[in-house]
């Protein structure tokens, strides 16, 4: 660029650039893992498709002490959280390098180093778990919050409404993010009002807007103002992305830059896939790694 942008515009374009970089990568991973699923090479993968924007925005808004809860479909949020593409690939193949040691449910990602808990088996149980973490965080006064992403299927579950009803009573440091297409399941605003949750509606196609909404909700939670429901679902019409427009207006996005980025993404995803395919299966003797630990008190009290 030949001239510096105004401060606010520079800040906006920096965030848009981070979002778009992550979205390009997530799209590349999404396509590759979907192809591998159709080929029968891997199982349990669920594409994120258009919800990628909201997931990336939410993931980028988190701080190190925060914990991300979701289902296997929310893996782009883990990417925004800092989980490497190579880790995602090794998880998909169940190979060494998978933080779950190849033993998670298909598609599940558990990465303790990044505070990521993505599990399948239930579309909604993780929302209740996030409420428990947020309640504990409020009681203990730590620096972290819980963020739970969920879709329309989870909203029909009693677990979600149990979570919504309990979180405000304890001022839980929990942020609920609804993602995916907006269909006939209207009622999030009414549910938030009924249970006493703060409610924010943003366009799920705008990663930067989702990021800002989650950041604001995080600040409110840490100030003791309780949980927030961020409605980040996207519409059914054509995708018009504000993040792209911000970068174009700032002179930081061109057709040449897009092609170069796409080429870098393809190379990175292919390298991660090859590395995962070559990796070994986790050894049987790792079965209890990170699951059972010696009790220090018992060790001290051993009889001679």
Protein backbone atom coordinates (compact mmCIF):
# COMPACT_ATOMS: atom_id res chain seq x y z
CA UNK A 1 0.00 0.00 0.00
CA UNK A 2 1.28 3.46 -0.85
CA UNK A 3 -0.37 5.28 2.07
CA UNK A 4 -1.28 4.30 5.61
CA UNK A 5 -4.94 3.69 6.31
CA UNK A 6 -6.75 5.57 9.08
CA UNK A 7 -6.32 3.80 12.41
CA UNK A 8 -9.85 2.41 12.65
CA UNK A 9 -9.84 1.25 9.03
CA UNK A 10 -6.41 -0.36 9.50
CA UNK A 11 -7.68 -2.22 12.55
CA UNK A 12 -10.79 -3.35 10.67
CA UNK A 13 -8.77 -4.54 7.70
CA UNK A 14 -6.27 -6.37 9.91
CA UNK A 15 -9.10 -8.37 11.48
CA UNK A 16 -10.70 -8.97 8.07
CA UNK A 17 -7.35 -10.23 6.77
CA UNK A 18 -7.03 -12.70 9.66
CA UNK A 19 -10.59 -13.91 9.14
CA UNK A 20 -10.17 -14.32 5.39
CA UNK A 21 -6.83 -16.12 5.76
CA UNK A 22 -8.42 -18.62 8.15
CA UNK A 23 -11.51 -19.00 5.94
CA UNK A 24 -9.37 -19.79 2.88
CA UNK A 25 -7.56 -22.48 4.88
CA UNK A 26 -10.78 -23.87 6.38
CA UNK A 27 -12.39 -24.10 2.94
CA UNK A 28 -9.38 -26.03 1.66
CA UNK A 29 -9.52 -28.45 4.58
CA UNK A 30 -13.32 -28.73 4.23
CA UNK A 31 -13.04 -29.74 0.57
CA UNK A 32 -10.21 -32.21 1.14
CA UNK A 33 -11.81 -33.97 4.10
CA UNK A 34 -15.14 -34.17 2.29
CA UNK A 35 -13.43 -35.85 -0.66
CA UNK A 36 -11.72 -38.31 1.68
CA UNK A 37 -15.07 -39.07 3.32
CA UNK A 38 -16.77 -39.78 -0.02
CA UNK A 39 -13.86 -42.04 -0.94
CA UNK A 40 -14.30 -43.99 2.29
CA UNK A 41 -10.78 -43.12 3.48
CA UNK A 42 -11.98 -41.46 6.68
CA UNK A 43 -15.23 -41.44 8.64
CA UNK A 44 -17.15 -39.06 10.83
CA UNK A 45 -16.28 -35.84 9.00
CA UNK A 46 -19.07 -33.26 8.80
CA UNK A 47 -18.45 -30.30 6.46
CA UNK A 48 -18.88 -26.81 7.87
CA UNK A 49 -19.66 -25.12 4.54
CA UNK A 50 -21.04 -21.59 4.89
CA UNK A 51 -20.95 -21.62 8.71
CA UNK A 52 -17.16 -21.41 8.42
CA UNK A 53 -17.31 -17.61 8.68
CA UNK A 54 -19.08 -17.63 12.05
CA UNK A 55 -16.92 -20.45 13.41
CA UNK A 56 -13.67 -18.71 12.45
CA UNK A 57 -14.87 -15.41 13.90
CA UNK A 58 -15.75 -17.05 17.21
CA UNK A 59 -12.46 -18.96 17.39
CA UNK A 60 -10.37 -15.86 16.73
CA UNK A 61 -12.11 -14.01 19.57
CA UNK A 62 -10.91 -16.40 22.28
CA UNK A 63 -8.03 -15.90 24.70
CA UNK A 64 -5.66 -18.64 25.97
CA UNK A 65 -7.60 -19.37 29.17
CA UNK A 66 -10.94 -19.74 27.36
CA UNK A 67 -12.41 -23.15 26.48
CA UNK A 68 -14.13 -23.94 23.19
CA UNK A 69 -17.01 -26.43 23.25
CA UNK A 70 -18.77 -27.76 20.15
CA UNK A 71 -19.42 -30.73 17.91
CA UNK A 72 -17.15 -32.15 15.21
CA UNK A 73 -18.70 -29.72 12.72
CA UNK A 74 -17.16 -26.81 14.62
CA UNK A 75 -13.57 -27.71 13.72
CA UNK A 76 -13.03 -24.37 11.85
CA UNK A 77 -13.39 -22.63 15.23
CA UNK A 78 -10.52 -24.82 16.46
CA UNK A 79 -8.52 -23.63 13.46
CA UNK A 80 -9.23 -20.04 14.48
CA UNK A 81 -8.26 -21.01 18.02
CA UNK A 82 -4.80 -21.97 16.80
CA UNK A 83 -5.06 -25.72 16.18
CA UNK A 84 -2.78 -26.59 13.26
CA UNK A 85 -4.06 -28.04 9.99
CA UNK A 86 -1.67 -30.97 10.49
CA UNK A 87 -3.35 -31.70 13.84
CA UNK A 88 -6.79 -31.64 12.25
CA UNK A 89 -5.63 -34.03 9.54
CA UNK A 90 -4.04 -36.45 12.00
CA UNK A 91 -7.22 -36.42 14.05
CA UNK A 92 -9.26 -37.24 10.93
CA UNK A 93 -6.98 -40.19 10.17
CA UNK A 94 -6.65 -41.24 13.83
CA UNK A 95 -2.85 -41.19 13.60
CA UNK A 96 -0.03 -40.18 15.93
CA UNK A 97 -0.19 -36.45 16.44
CA UNK A 98 -3.92 -36.56 17.16
CA UNK A 99 -4.32 -34.99 20.63
CA UNK A 100 -6.99 -37.63 21.37
CA UNK A 101 -4.44 -40.38 20.61
CA UNK A 102 -6.71 -41.69 17.85
CA UNK A 103 -9.39 -42.72 20.31
CA UNK A 104 -11.93 -39.91 20.15
CA UNK A 105 -15.34 -40.41 18.63
CA UNK A 106 -15.13 -40.08 14.82
CA UNK A 107 -14.64 -36.40 14.05
CA UNK A 108 -14.15 -35.39 17.68
CA UNK A 109 -11.21 -33.16 18.52
CA UNK A 110 -9.84 -32.78 22.02
CA UNK A 111 -6.76 -30.59 22.29
CA UNK A 112 -5.84 -29.74 25.88
CA UNK A 113 -3.04 -27.41 24.75
CA UNK A 114 -5.61 -25.21 22.98
CA UNK A 115 -8.57 -25.81 25.33
CA UNK A 116 -10.67 -27.32 22.55
CA UNK A 117 -13.41 -29.88 23.26
CA UNK A 118 -15.35 -30.94 20.17
CA UNK A 119 -17.37 -34.12 20.63
CA UNK A 120 -20.09 -35.93 18.76
CA UNK A 121 -22.67 -38.32 20.13
CA UNK A 122 -25.01 -35.52 21.15
CA UNK A 123 -25.84 -32.27 19.39
CA UNK A 124 -26.41 -30.46 22.67
CA UNK A 125 -24.68 -32.04 25.69
CA UNK A 126 -21.62 -29.82 25.20
CA UNK A 127 -23.81 -26.72 25.71
CA UNK A 128 -24.62 -27.93 29.21
CA UNK A 129 -20.95 -28.74 29.84
CA UNK A 130 -19.98 -25.22 28.78
CA UNK A 131 -22.47 -23.85 31.29
CA UNK A 132 -20.80 -25.89 34.02
CA UNK A 133 -17.38 -24.57 33.07
CA UNK A 134 -18.66 -21.00 32.92
CA UNK A 135 -20.26 -21.37 36.35
CA UNK A 136 -17.02 -22.72 37.82
CA UNK A 137 -15.03 -19.92 36.18
CA UNK A 138 -17.32 -17.32 37.75
CA UNK A 139 -17.11 -18.93 41.21
CA UNK A 140 -13.33 -19.28 41.07
CA UNK A 141 -12.69 -15.90 39.50
CA UNK A 142 -10.28 -17.12 36.85
CA UNK A 143 -9.49 -15.36 33.57
CA UNK A 144 -11.30 -17.76 31.23
CA UNK A 145 -14.76 -18.10 29.72
CA UNK A 146 -16.54 -20.93 27.91
CA UNK A 147 -17.81 -20.60 24.34
CA UNK A 148 -20.30 -23.16 23.05
CA UNK A 149 -21.25 -23.31 19.37
CA UNK A 150 -24.47 -25.07 18.42
CA UNK A 151 -26.89 -25.51 15.53
CA UNK A 152 -30.61 -25.76 14.98
CA UNK A 153 -30.74 -29.41 16.03
CA UNK A 154 -29.35 -28.61 19.47
CA UNK A 155 -31.91 -25.85 20.05
CA UNK A 156 -34.65 -28.46 20.04
CA UNK A 157 -32.99 -30.32 22.91
CA UNK A 158 -33.83 -30.01 26.59
CA UNK A 159 -30.09 -29.82 27.37
CA UNK A 160 -29.87 -26.42 25.72
CA UNK A 161 -32.81 -25.00 27.62
CA UNK A 162 -31.49 -26.47 30.87
CA UNK A 163 -28.21 -24.67 30.15
CA UNK A 164 -29.98 -21.41 29.30
CA UNK A 165 -32.07 -21.54 32.47
CA UNK A 166 -29.14 -22.22 34.80
CA UNK A 167 -26.45 -19.94 33.38
CA UNK A 168 -28.01 -16.58 34.38
CA UNK A 169 -28.64 -17.76 37.96
CA UNK A 170 -24.89 -18.09 38.53
CA UNK A 171 -23.76 -15.34 36.15
CA UNK A 172 -21.92 -18.11 34.28
CA UNK A 173 -19.05 -16.95 32.15
CA UNK A 174 -20.49 -18.70 29.13
CA UNK A 175 -21.11 -17.47 25.60
CA UNK A 176 -23.51 -19.43 23.43
CA UNK A 177 -23.03 -19.02 19.67
CA UNK A 178 -25.78 -20.24 17.34
CA UNK A 179 -24.35 -20.99 13.88
CA UNK A 180 -25.54 -22.48 10.61
CA UNK A 181 -28.45 -21.59 8.33
CA UNK A 182 -31.38 -19.66 9.68
CA UNK A 183 -34.44 -21.77 9.01
CA UNK A 184 -37.80 -22.20 10.67
CA UNK A 185 -36.41 -22.48 14.19
CA UNK A 186 -36.95 -18.80 15.08
CA UNK A 187 -37.25 -18.20 18.76
CA UNK A 188 -33.70 -17.67 19.96
CA UNK A 189 -34.41 -14.08 20.97
CA UNK A 190 -37.56 -15.16 22.82
CA UNK A 191 -35.69 -17.99 24.57
CA UNK A 192 -32.92 -15.63 25.63
CA UNK A 193 -35.47 -13.19 27.03
CA UNK A 194 -37.35 -15.96 28.83
CA UNK A 195 -34.23 -17.32 30.55
CA UNK A 196 -32.60 -13.96 31.24
CA UNK A 197 -29.73 -14.19 28.75
CA UNK A 198 -28.26 -11.18 27.00
CA UNK A 199 -28.99 -11.55 23.27
CA UNK A 200 -27.01 -10.27 20.29
CA UNK A 201 -27.92 -10.84 16.64
CA UNK A 202 -25.16 -10.68 14.02
CA UNK A 203 -24.90 -11.88 10.44
CA UNK A 204 -23.16 -15.25 10.48
CA UNK A 205 -21.68 -14.53 7.05
CA UNK A 206 -19.53 -11.77 8.57
CA UNK A 207 -16.61 -13.28 10.47
CA UNK A 208 -15.43 -9.93 11.79
CA UNK A 209 -18.88 -9.10 13.18
CA UNK A 210 -19.07 -12.47 14.95
CA UNK A 211 -15.58 -11.91 16.36
CA UNK A 212 -16.56 -8.50 17.75
CA UNK A 213 -19.81 -9.83 19.24
CA UNK A 214 -18.01 -12.70 21.01
CA UNK A 215 -15.29 -10.31 22.24
CA UNK A 216 -17.92 -7.97 23.71
CA UNK A 217 -19.77 -10.90 25.32
CA UNK A 218 -16.50 -12.15 26.76
CA UNK A 219 -15.79 -8.76 28.33
CA UNK A 220 -19.30 -8.65 29.81
CA UNK A 221 -18.90 -12.14 31.28
CA UNK A 222 -15.60 -11.26 32.94
CA UNK A 223 -17.20 -8.17 34.43
CA UNK A 224 -19.82 -10.36 36.11
CA UNK A 225 -22.66 -9.41 33.77
CA UNK A 226 -23.50 -13.02 32.98
CA UNK A 227 -23.89 -15.14 29.85
CA UNK A 228 -24.73 -14.01 26.33
CA UNK A 229 -26.44 -15.73 23.43
CA UNK A 230 -24.87 -14.64 20.13
CA UNK A 231 -27.20 -15.49 17.25
CA UNK A 232 -24.70 -15.84 14.38
CA UNK A 233 -26.81 -17.84 11.95
CA UNK A 234 -26.58 -16.96 8.27
CA UNK A 235 -29.38 -16.35 5.81
CA UNK A 236 -30.38 -18.40 2.78
CA UNK A 237 -29.59 -15.76 0.15
CA UNK A 238 -26.40 -15.04 -1.73
CA UNK A 239 -23.28 -14.62 0.39
CA UNK A 240 -22.16 -10.99 0.50
CA UNK A 241 -19.20 -10.81 2.83
CA UNK A 242 -18.25 -7.61 4.61
CA UNK A 243 -14.76 -8.90 5.47
CA UNK A 244 -13.95 -9.20 1.76
CA UNK A 245 -15.37 -5.73 1.06
CA UNK A 246 -13.25 -4.18 3.84
CA UNK A 247 -10.08 -5.66 2.36
CA UNK A 248 -10.99 -4.64 -1.17
CA UNK A 249 -11.72 -1.07 -0.08
CA UNK A 250 -8.42 -1.00 1.82
CA UNK A 251 -6.56 -2.10 -1.30
CA UNK A 252 -5.36 -5.28 0.40
CA UNK A 253 -7.18 -7.88 -1.74
CA UNK A 254 -6.85 -8.54 -5.44
CA UNK A 255 -7.48 -11.41 -7.82
CA UNK A 256 -3.74 -12.13 -7.89
CA UNK A 257 -3.58 -12.23 -4.08
CA UNK A 258 -6.57 -14.59 -3.93
CA UNK A 259 -5.00 -16.97 -6.45
CA UNK A 260 -1.70 -16.95 -4.59
CA UNK A 261 -3.43 -17.63 -1.29
CA UNK A 262 -5.47 -20.47 -2.78
CA UNK A 263 -2.26 -22.04 -4.12
CA UNK A 264 -0.62 -21.78 -0.68
CA UNK A 265 -3.68 -23.35 0.94
CA UNK A 266 -3.72 -26.28 -1.49
CA UNK A 267 -0.05 -26.93 -0.83
CA UNK A 268 -0.47 -26.72 2.95
CA UNK A 269 -3.51 -29.01 3.00
CA UNK A 270 -1.83 -31.55 0.70
CA UNK A 271 1.30 -31.57 2.87
CA UNK A 272 -0.80 -32.07 6.01
CA UNK A 273 -2.70 -34.93 4.37
CA UNK A 274 0.49 -36.67 3.23
CA UNK A 275 2.01 -36.28 6.68
CA UNK A 276 -1.11 -37.79 8.28
CA UNK A 277 -1.19 -40.70 5.87
CA UNK A 278 2.46 -41.51 6.56
CA UNK A 279 2.10 -41.22 10.33
CA UNK A 280 1.86 -44.33 12.50
CA UNK A 281 -1.24 -45.49 14.35
CA UNK A 282 -1.02 -44.64 18.09
CA UNK A 283 0.67 -47.47 19.99
CA UNK A 284 -1.50 -49.67 22.25
CA UNK A 285 0.62 -48.75 25.26
CA UNK A 286 -0.68 -45.16 25.00
CA UNK A 287 -4.18 -46.33 25.95
CA UNK A 288 -4.03 -44.78 29.40
CA UNK A 289 -1.82 -41.80 28.59
CA UNK A 290 -3.34 -38.58 29.92
CA UNK A 291 -6.25 -40.56 31.37
CA UNK A 292 -4.93 -42.00 34.63
CA UNK A 293 -2.24 -40.47 36.84
CA UNK A 294 -0.61 -41.69 40.00
CA UNK A 295 -2.13 -40.33 43.19
CA UNK A 296 0.66 -38.35 44.86
CA UNK A 297 -0.86 -38.79 48.32
CA UNK A 298 -1.00 -42.56 47.89
CA UNK A 299 2.57 -42.62 46.63
CA UNK A 300 3.73 -40.85 49.79
CA UNK A 301 1.88 -43.26 52.05
CA UNK A 302 3.26 -46.49 50.56
CA UNK A 303 4.16 -49.04 53.22
CA UNK A 304 7.80 -50.10 53.49
